[in-house]
Amino acid sequence: MNTENFIYLLLIFILWGTWGFFSKIATNRLGGFQTMFWDSLGFILAFIFFLLLSLKKLLPLKTNLPEIFLAALGGVFGMLGYIFFYLLLSKNEASIVVPLTALYPALTIFLAVLFLKEALSITHLAGIILALLSIFLLTK
């Protein structure tokens, strides 16, 4: 992994890790729906800032309808997952909800292997099994 990718990975780790922490504090104080509303507003503001910084790379917009549909479907699925995340977080401990919901890449890997014909090594398989084992360990 090159330095740039490592920095991105580290930033994701810090940003998403603190997002889960802040979300739980807010959910305890505001409830799931209020937290989701204010969190979404923060997301929109950050997204607008991102758009302003990357406008040159964004334009001209591509018009490939099948790909646009897939991207929009990804957004819909992501938002629906986000809604259920906050409902779950409002009723359970962050130390359980956040790690368990972070296991979604196991499904992504399965779908990528099945439909995109991506390779699955023994090491990857062991990682998936250990991640799934963590469900058992985290819920005890």
N, C-alpha and C. Protein backbone atom coordinates (compact mmCIF):
# COMPACT_ATOMS: atom_id res chain seq x y z
N MET A 1 0.86 -1.18 0.00
CA MET A 1 0.00 0.00 0.00
C MET A 1 0.90 1.23 0.00
N ASN A 2 0.63 2.15 -0.93
CA ASN A 2 1.46 3.34 -1.00
C ASN A 2 1.08 4.34 0.10
N THR A 3 1.88 5.36 0.27
CA THR A 3 1.70 6.33 1.36
C THR A 3 0.36 7.05 1.27
N GLU A 4 -0.03 7.47 0.08
CA GLU A 4 -1.30 8.18 -0.08
C GLU A 4 -2.48 7.30 0.35
N ASN A 5 -2.49 6.06 -0.08
CA ASN A 5 -3.56 5.15 0.31
C ASN A 5 -3.57 4.90 1.81
N PHE A 6 -2.39 4.79 2.40
CA PHE A 6 -2.31 4.58 3.84
C PHE A 6 -2.88 5.78 4.59
N ILE A 7 -2.58 6.98 4.12
CA ILE A 7 -3.13 8.20 4.76
C ILE A 7 -4.65 8.22 4.64
N TYR A 8 -5.18 7.87 3.46
CA TYR A 8 -6.64 7.81 3.30
C TYR A 8 -7.25 6.79 4.26
N LEU A 9 -6.62 5.63 4.36
CA LEU A 9 -7.11 4.59 5.26
C LEU A 9 -7.10 5.07 6.71
N LEU A 10 -6.04 5.72 7.10
CA LEU A 10 -5.94 6.26 8.46
C LEU A 10 -7.02 7.32 8.72
N LEU A 11 -7.25 8.19 7.75
CA LEU A 11 -8.30 9.21 7.90
C LEU A 11 -9.68 8.57 8.01
N ILE A 12 -9.95 7.56 7.20
CA ILE A 12 -11.23 6.86 7.28
C ILE A 12 -11.39 6.22 8.66
N PHE A 13 -10.35 5.58 9.14
CA PHE A 13 -10.38 4.96 10.45
C PHE A 13 -10.72 5.99 11.54
N ILE A 14 -10.05 7.12 11.51
CA ILE A 14 -10.27 8.16 12.52
C ILE A 14 -11.66 8.78 12.36
N LEU A 15 -12.02 9.14 11.13
CA LEU A 15 -13.30 9.83 10.90
C LEU A 15 -14.49 8.92 11.20
N TRP A 16 -14.48 7.70 10.69
CA TRP A 16 -15.62 6.80 10.94
C TRP A 16 -15.65 6.33 12.39
N GLY A 17 -14.46 6.14 12.98
CA GLY A 17 -14.43 5.74 14.38
C GLY A 17 -15.02 6.80 15.29
N THR A 18 -14.68 8.05 15.05
CA THR A 18 -15.24 9.13 15.88
C THR A 18 -16.69 9.40 15.49
N TRP A 19 -17.07 9.14 14.24
CA TRP A 19 -18.48 9.30 13.84
C TRP A 19 -19.37 8.39 14.67
N GLY A 20 -18.97 7.12 14.81
CA GLY A 20 -19.76 6.19 15.62
C GLY A 20 -19.86 6.63 17.06
N PHE A 21 -18.76 7.14 17.60
CA PHE A 21 -18.72 7.61 18.99
C PHE A 21 -19.64 8.82 19.18
N PHE A 22 -19.47 9.83 18.32
CA PHE A 22 -20.31 11.04 18.42
C PHE A 22 -21.79 10.71 18.18
N SER A 23 -22.03 9.79 17.27
CA SER A 23 -23.42 9.41 16.97
C SER A 23 -24.09 8.79 18.18
N LYS A 24 -23.36 7.98 18.92
CA LYS A 24 -23.97 7.36 20.10
C LYS A 24 -24.26 8.40 21.18
N ILE A 25 -23.35 9.32 21.40
CA ILE A 25 -23.60 10.38 22.40
C ILE A 25 -24.82 11.18 21.99
N ALA A 26 -24.89 11.57 20.72
CA ALA A 26 -26.03 12.36 20.23
C ALA A 26 -27.32 11.56 20.32
N THR A 27 -27.27 10.28 19.97
CA THR A 27 -28.46 9.44 20.01
C THR A 27 -28.98 9.30 21.45
N ASN A 28 -28.06 9.19 22.40
CA ASN A 28 -28.48 9.12 23.81
C ASN A 28 -29.21 10.38 24.24
N ARG A 29 -28.80 11.50 23.69
CA ARG A 29 -29.36 12.79 24.13
C ARG A 29 -30.53 13.27 23.28
N LEU A 30 -30.52 12.93 21.97
CA LEU A 30 -31.54 13.44 21.06
C LEU A 30 -32.53 12.38 20.58
N GLY A 31 -32.13 11.12 20.66
CA GLY A 31 -32.92 10.05 20.06
C GLY A 31 -32.44 9.78 18.64
N GLY A 32 -32.86 8.64 18.09
CA GLY A 32 -32.39 8.22 16.78
C GLY A 32 -32.79 9.12 15.63
N PHE A 33 -34.07 9.54 15.60
CA PHE A 33 -34.54 10.34 14.46
C PHE A 33 -33.95 11.74 14.46
N GLN A 34 -33.87 12.38 15.63
CA GLN A 34 -33.28 13.71 15.71
C GLN A 34 -31.79 13.66 15.33
N THR A 35 -31.09 12.65 15.84
CA THR A 35 -29.67 12.52 15.52
C THR A 35 -29.48 12.30 14.03
N MET A 36 -30.32 11.45 13.43
CA MET A 36 -30.23 11.19 12.00
C MET A 36 -30.44 12.48 11.20
N PHE A 37 -31.40 13.30 11.63
CA PHE A 37 -31.67 14.56 10.94
C PHE A 37 -30.45 15.47 10.99
N TRP A 38 -29.91 15.71 12.18
CA TRP A 38 -28.78 16.63 12.31
C TRP A 38 -27.51 16.05 11.69
N ASP A 39 -27.32 14.76 11.79
CA ASP A 39 -26.18 14.12 11.16
C ASP A 39 -26.28 14.27 9.64
N SER A 40 -27.47 14.09 9.10
CA SER A 40 -27.67 14.24 7.66
C SER A 40 -27.42 15.66 7.20
N LEU A 41 -27.81 16.62 8.01
CA LEU A 41 -27.54 18.02 7.67
C LEU A 41 -26.03 18.26 7.62
N GLY A 42 -25.30 17.71 8.59
CA GLY A 42 -23.84 17.81 8.57
C GLY A 42 -23.26 17.15 7.33
N PHE A 43 -23.83 16.01 6.94
CA PHE A 43 -23.39 15.31 5.74
C PHE A 43 -23.60 16.19 4.51
N ILE A 44 -24.76 16.81 4.43
CA ILE A 44 -25.08 17.67 3.27
C ILE A 44 -24.10 18.84 3.20
N LEU A 45 -23.80 19.46 4.33
CA LEU A 45 -22.85 20.59 4.34
C LEU A 45 -21.46 20.13 3.90
N ALA A 46 -21.02 18.97 4.41
CA ALA A 46 -19.71 18.44 4.01
C ALA A 46 -19.70 18.08 2.52
N PHE A 47 -20.83 17.56 2.04
CA PHE A 47 -20.93 17.20 0.62
C PHE A 47 -20.86 18.44 -0.27
N ILE A 48 -21.53 19.51 0.12
CA ILE A 48 -21.47 20.76 -0.64
C ILE A 48 -20.04 21.28 -0.69
N PHE A 49 -19.34 21.23 0.44
CA PHE A 49 -17.94 21.65 0.49
C PHE A 49 -17.10 20.79 -0.46
N PHE A 50 -17.32 19.47 -0.43
CA PHE A 50 -16.62 18.56 -1.33
C PHE A 50 -16.89 18.90 -2.79
N LEU A 51 -18.16 19.19 -3.12
CA LEU A 51 -18.52 19.53 -4.49
C LEU A 51 -17.79 20.78 -4.96
N LEU A 52 -17.74 21.78 -4.10
CA LEU A 52 -17.07 23.03 -4.46
C LEU A 52 -15.58 22.79 -4.71
N LEU A 53 -14.97 21.91 -3.92
CA LEU A 53 -13.54 21.63 -4.09
C LEU A 53 -13.24 20.78 -5.32
N SER A 54 -14.20 19.98 -5.75
CA SER A 54 -13.92 19.02 -6.83
C SER A 54 -14.76 19.26 -8.08
N LEU A 55 -15.26 20.46 -8.26
CA LEU A 55 -16.14 20.77 -9.39
C LEU A 55 -15.48 20.49 -10.74
N LYS A 56 -14.18 20.78 -10.85
CA LYS A 56 -13.50 20.56 -12.12
C LYS A 56 -13.45 19.08 -12.50
N LYS A 57 -13.33 18.20 -11.49
CA LYS A 57 -13.30 16.76 -11.75
C LYS A 57 -14.69 16.21 -12.01
N LEU A 58 -15.70 16.89 -11.52
CA LEU A 58 -17.08 16.41 -11.64
C LEU A 58 -17.69 16.73 -13.00
N LEU A 59 -17.31 17.87 -13.56
CA LEU A 59 -17.92 18.30 -14.81
C LEU A 59 -17.07 17.90 -16.00
N PRO A 60 -17.62 17.57 -17.11
CA PRO A 60 -19.05 17.44 -17.38
C PRO A 60 -19.61 16.16 -16.76
N LEU A 61 -20.87 16.21 -16.35
CA LEU A 61 -21.52 15.04 -15.76
C LEU A 61 -21.70 13.95 -16.82
N LYS A 62 -21.47 12.73 -16.43
CA LYS A 62 -21.68 11.61 -17.34
C LYS A 62 -23.17 11.30 -17.38
N THR A 63 -23.62 10.78 -18.51
CA THR A 63 -25.06 10.53 -18.69
C THR A 63 -25.38 9.07 -19.00
N ASN A 64 -24.50 8.16 -18.61
CA ASN A 64 -24.73 6.74 -18.84
C ASN A 64 -25.81 6.28 -17.87
N LEU A 65 -27.04 6.10 -18.32
CA LEU A 65 -28.17 5.81 -17.44
C LEU A 65 -28.01 4.54 -16.61
N PRO A 66 -27.54 3.43 -17.15
CA PRO A 66 -27.40 2.24 -16.29
C PRO A 66 -26.44 2.48 -15.12
N GLU A 67 -25.32 3.15 -15.38
CA GLU A 67 -24.35 3.41 -14.33
C GLU A 67 -24.89 4.43 -13.32
N ILE A 68 -25.62 5.43 -13.82
CA ILE A 68 -26.23 6.42 -12.92
C ILE A 68 -27.26 5.73 -12.03
N PHE A 69 -28.04 4.82 -12.61
CA PHE A 69 -29.03 4.08 -11.83
C PHE A 69 -28.34 3.28 -10.73
N LEU A 70 -27.23 2.60 -11.06
CA LEU A 70 -26.50 1.82 -10.06
C LEU A 70 -25.95 2.71 -8.95
N ALA A 71 -25.42 3.87 -9.32
CA ALA A 71 -24.89 4.80 -8.32
C ALA A 71 -26.02 5.30 -7.41
N ALA A 72 -27.15 5.65 -8.01
CA ALA A 72 -28.29 6.13 -7.22
C ALA A 72 -28.84 5.01 -6.34
N LEU A 73 -28.88 3.80 -6.85
CA LEU A 73 -29.34 2.66 -6.06
C LEU A 73 -28.41 2.43 -4.87
N GLY A 74 -27.12 2.60 -5.09
CA GLY A 74 -26.16 2.51 -3.99
C GLY A 74 -26.45 3.56 -2.93
N GLY A 75 -26.81 4.78 -3.37
CA GLY A 75 -27.17 5.83 -2.43
C GLY A 75 -28.42 5.50 -1.65
N VAL A 76 -29.42 4.95 -2.32
CA VAL A 76 -30.67 4.56 -1.64
C VAL A 76 -30.39 3.47 -0.61
N PHE A 77 -29.65 2.44 -1.01
CA PHE A 77 -29.34 1.36 -0.08
C PHE A 77 -28.52 1.89 1.10
N GLY A 78 -27.55 2.76 0.81
CA GLY A 78 -26.74 3.34 1.88
C GLY A 78 -27.59 4.13 2.85
N MET A 79 -28.51 4.93 2.35
CA MET A 79 -29.36 5.74 3.22
C MET A 79 -30.31 4.87 4.03
N LEU A 80 -30.86 3.83 3.43
CA LEU A 80 -31.73 2.93 4.18
C LEU A 80 -30.95 2.24 5.30
N GLY A 81 -29.73 1.82 5.00
CA GLY A 81 -28.88 1.23 6.03
C GLY A 81 -28.59 2.22 7.14
N TYR A 82 -28.37 3.46 6.76
CA TYR A 82 -28.11 4.55 7.69
C TYR A 82 -29.29 4.75 8.64
N ILE A 83 -30.51 4.70 8.11
CA ILE A 83 -31.71 4.84 8.94
C ILE A 83 -31.78 3.71 9.96
N PHE A 84 -31.59 2.48 9.51
CA PHE A 84 -31.66 1.35 10.43
C PHE A 84 -30.50 1.35 11.42
N PHE A 85 -29.35 1.89 10.99
CA PHE A 85 -28.21 2.02 11.92
C PHE A 85 -28.61 2.88 13.11
N TYR A 86 -29.22 4.03 12.84
CA TYR A 86 -29.60 4.91 13.95
C TYR A 86 -30.72 4.33 14.80
N LEU A 87 -31.63 3.61 14.20
CA LEU A 87 -32.66 2.94 15.00
C LEU A 87 -32.03 1.91 15.93
N LEU A 88 -31.08 1.15 15.41
CA LEU A 88 -30.39 0.15 16.22
C LEU A 88 -29.52 0.81 17.29
N LEU A 89 -28.83 1.87 16.92
CA LEU A 89 -27.95 2.57 17.85
C LEU A 89 -28.73 3.21 18.99
N SER A 90 -29.96 3.65 18.71
CA SER A 90 -30.75 4.30 19.76
C SER A 90 -31.23 3.31 20.81
N LYS A 91 -31.14 2.00 20.52
CA LYS A 91 -31.65 0.99 21.44
C LYS A 91 -30.54 0.08 22.00
N ASN A 92 -29.32 0.27 21.56
CA ASN A 92 -28.23 -0.63 21.95
C ASN A 92 -26.94 0.14 22.17
N GLU A 93 -25.95 -0.55 22.72
CA GLU A 93 -24.66 0.05 23.01
C GLU A 93 -23.85 0.26 21.73
N ALA A 94 -23.16 1.40 21.65
CA ALA A 94 -22.31 1.69 20.50
C ALA A 94 -21.20 0.66 20.36
N SER A 95 -20.69 0.17 21.48
CA SER A 95 -19.59 -0.80 21.45
C SER A 95 -20.00 -2.12 20.81
N ILE A 96 -21.30 -2.35 20.67
CA ILE A 96 -21.78 -3.56 19.99
C ILE A 96 -22.29 -3.21 18.59
N VAL A 97 -23.11 -2.16 18.49
CA VAL A 97 -23.74 -1.81 17.21
C VAL A 97 -22.72 -1.45 16.14
N VAL A 98 -21.78 -0.57 16.47
CA VAL A 98 -20.85 -0.08 15.46
C VAL A 98 -19.98 -1.22 14.90
N PRO A 99 -19.36 -2.05 15.74
CA PRO A 99 -18.57 -3.14 15.14
C PRO A 99 -19.41 -4.15 14.37
N LEU A 100 -20.59 -4.47 14.87
CA LEU A 100 -21.41 -5.45 14.16
C LEU A 100 -21.89 -4.93 12.82
N THR A 101 -22.29 -3.68 12.76
CA THR A 101 -22.74 -3.13 11.49
C THR A 101 -21.56 -2.89 10.54
N ALA A 102 -20.36 -2.83 11.10
CA ALA A 102 -19.17 -2.66 10.26
C ALA A 102 -18.75 -3.97 9.58
N LEU A 103 -19.52 -5.02 9.78
CA LEU A 103 -19.22 -6.29 9.12
C LEU A 103 -19.81 -6.37 7.72
N TYR A 104 -20.45 -5.32 7.27
CA TYR A 104 -21.08 -5.34 5.94
C TYR A 104 -20.12 -5.67 4.81
N PRO A 105 -18.81 -5.40 4.92
CA PRO A 105 -17.93 -5.79 3.81
C PRO A 105 -17.93 -7.28 3.51
N ALA A 106 -18.30 -8.11 4.48
CA ALA A 106 -18.37 -9.55 4.21
C ALA A 106 -19.37 -9.84 3.09
N LEU A 107 -20.51 -9.14 3.10
CA LEU A 107 -21.49 -9.30 2.04
C LEU A 107 -20.96 -8.73 0.72
N THR A 108 -20.28 -7.59 0.79
CA THR A 108 -19.69 -7.01 -0.41
C THR A 108 -18.68 -7.97 -1.04
N ILE A 109 -17.86 -8.60 -0.21
CA ILE A 109 -16.88 -9.56 -0.72
C ILE A 109 -17.59 -10.73 -1.40
N PHE A 110 -18.62 -11.27 -0.73
CA PHE A 110 -19.37 -12.39 -1.29
C PHE A 110 -19.96 -12.01 -2.65
N LEU A 111 -20.59 -10.85 -2.74
CA LEU A 111 -21.20 -10.41 -4.00
C LEU A 111 -20.14 -10.16 -5.07
N ALA A 112 -19.00 -9.59 -4.68
CA ALA A 112 -17.92 -9.31 -5.64
C ALA A 112 -17.34 -10.61 -6.20
N VAL A 113 -17.20 -11.60 -5.35
CA VAL A 113 -16.68 -12.90 -5.81
C VAL A 113 -17.70 -13.56 -6.73
N LEU A 114 -18.97 -13.52 -6.33
CA LEU A 114 -20.03 -14.20 -7.08
C LEU A 114 -20.32 -13.54 -8.43
N PHE A 115 -20.47 -12.22 -8.43
CA PHE A 115 -20.91 -11.53 -9.65
C PHE A 115 -19.80 -10.84 -10.43
N LEU A 116 -18.76 -10.37 -9.74
CA LEU A 116 -17.69 -9.65 -10.43
C LEU A 116 -16.47 -10.54 -10.68
N LYS A 117 -16.57 -11.78 -10.22
CA LYS A 117 -15.51 -12.78 -10.41
C LYS A 117 -14.18 -12.34 -9.81
N GLU A 118 -14.25 -11.59 -8.68
CA GLU A 118 -13.03 -11.21 -7.98
C GLU A 118 -12.50 -12.41 -7.23
N ALA A 119 -11.19 -12.45 -7.06
CA ALA A 119 -10.54 -13.59 -6.41
C ALA A 119 -10.74 -13.53 -4.89
N LEU A 120 -10.87 -14.71 -4.29
CA LEU A 120 -10.99 -14.83 -2.84
C LEU A 120 -9.87 -15.77 -2.38
N SER A 121 -8.89 -15.20 -1.70
CA SER A 121 -7.77 -16.02 -1.24
C SER A 121 -8.12 -16.69 0.09
N ILE A 122 -7.30 -17.61 0.49
CA ILE A 122 -7.46 -18.28 1.78
C ILE A 122 -7.34 -17.24 2.91
N THR A 123 -6.45 -16.29 2.75
CA THR A 123 -6.28 -15.23 3.76
C THR A 123 -7.55 -14.40 3.87
N HIS A 124 -8.14 -14.05 2.73
CA HIS A 124 -9.39 -13.29 2.75
C HIS A 124 -10.50 -14.08 3.44
N LEU A 125 -10.59 -15.36 3.09
CA LEU A 125 -11.61 -16.22 3.68
C LEU A 125 -11.42 -16.33 5.19
N ALA A 126 -10.17 -16.47 5.63
CA ALA A 126 -9.90 -16.52 7.07
C ALA A 126 -10.32 -15.21 7.74
N GLY A 127 -10.07 -14.09 7.09
CA GLY A 127 -10.47 -12.80 7.64
C GLY A 127 -11.98 -12.69 7.78
N ILE A 128 -12.71 -13.18 6.78
CA ILE A 128 -14.18 -13.16 6.83
C ILE A 128 -14.68 -14.03 7.98
N ILE A 129 -14.10 -15.21 8.10
CA ILE A 129 -14.51 -16.12 9.18
C ILE A 129 -14.24 -15.50 10.54
N LEU A 130 -13.07 -14.88 10.70
CA LEU A 130 -12.76 -14.22 11.98
C LEU A 130 -13.70 -13.04 12.24
N ALA A 131 -14.03 -12.30 11.19
CA ALA A 131 -14.97 -11.18 11.36
C ALA A 131 -16.34 -11.69 11.80
N LEU A 132 -16.79 -12.78 11.18
CA LEU A 132 -18.08 -13.35 11.57
C LEU A 132 -18.02 -13.93 12.98
N LEU A 133 -16.88 -14.49 13.36
CA LEU A 133 -16.69 -14.97 14.72
C LEU A 133 -16.80 -13.82 15.72
N SER A 134 -16.40 -12.64 15.28
CA SER A 134 -16.47 -11.48 16.18
C SER A 134 -17.93 -11.17 16.56
N ILE A 135 -18.89 -11.51 15.72
CA ILE A 135 -20.29 -11.32 16.07
C ILE A 135 -20.59 -12.10 17.35
N PHE A 136 -20.16 -13.34 17.37
CA PHE A 136 -20.38 -14.17 18.56
C PHE A 136 -19.68 -13.56 19.78
N LEU A 137 -18.42 -13.15 19.60
CA LEU A 137 -17.65 -12.62 20.72
C LEU A 137 -18.20 -11.28 21.22
N LEU A 138 -18.64 -10.43 20.33
CA LEU A 138 -19.14 -9.11 20.72
C LEU A 138 -20.51 -9.16 21.38
N THR A 139 -21.28 -10.17 21.08
CA THR A 139 -22.63 -10.22 21.63
C THR A 139 -22.73 -11.05 22.91
N LYS A 140 -21.64 -11.57 23.39
CA LYS A 140 -21.65 -12.35 24.65
C LYS A 140 -21.35 -11.47 25.83
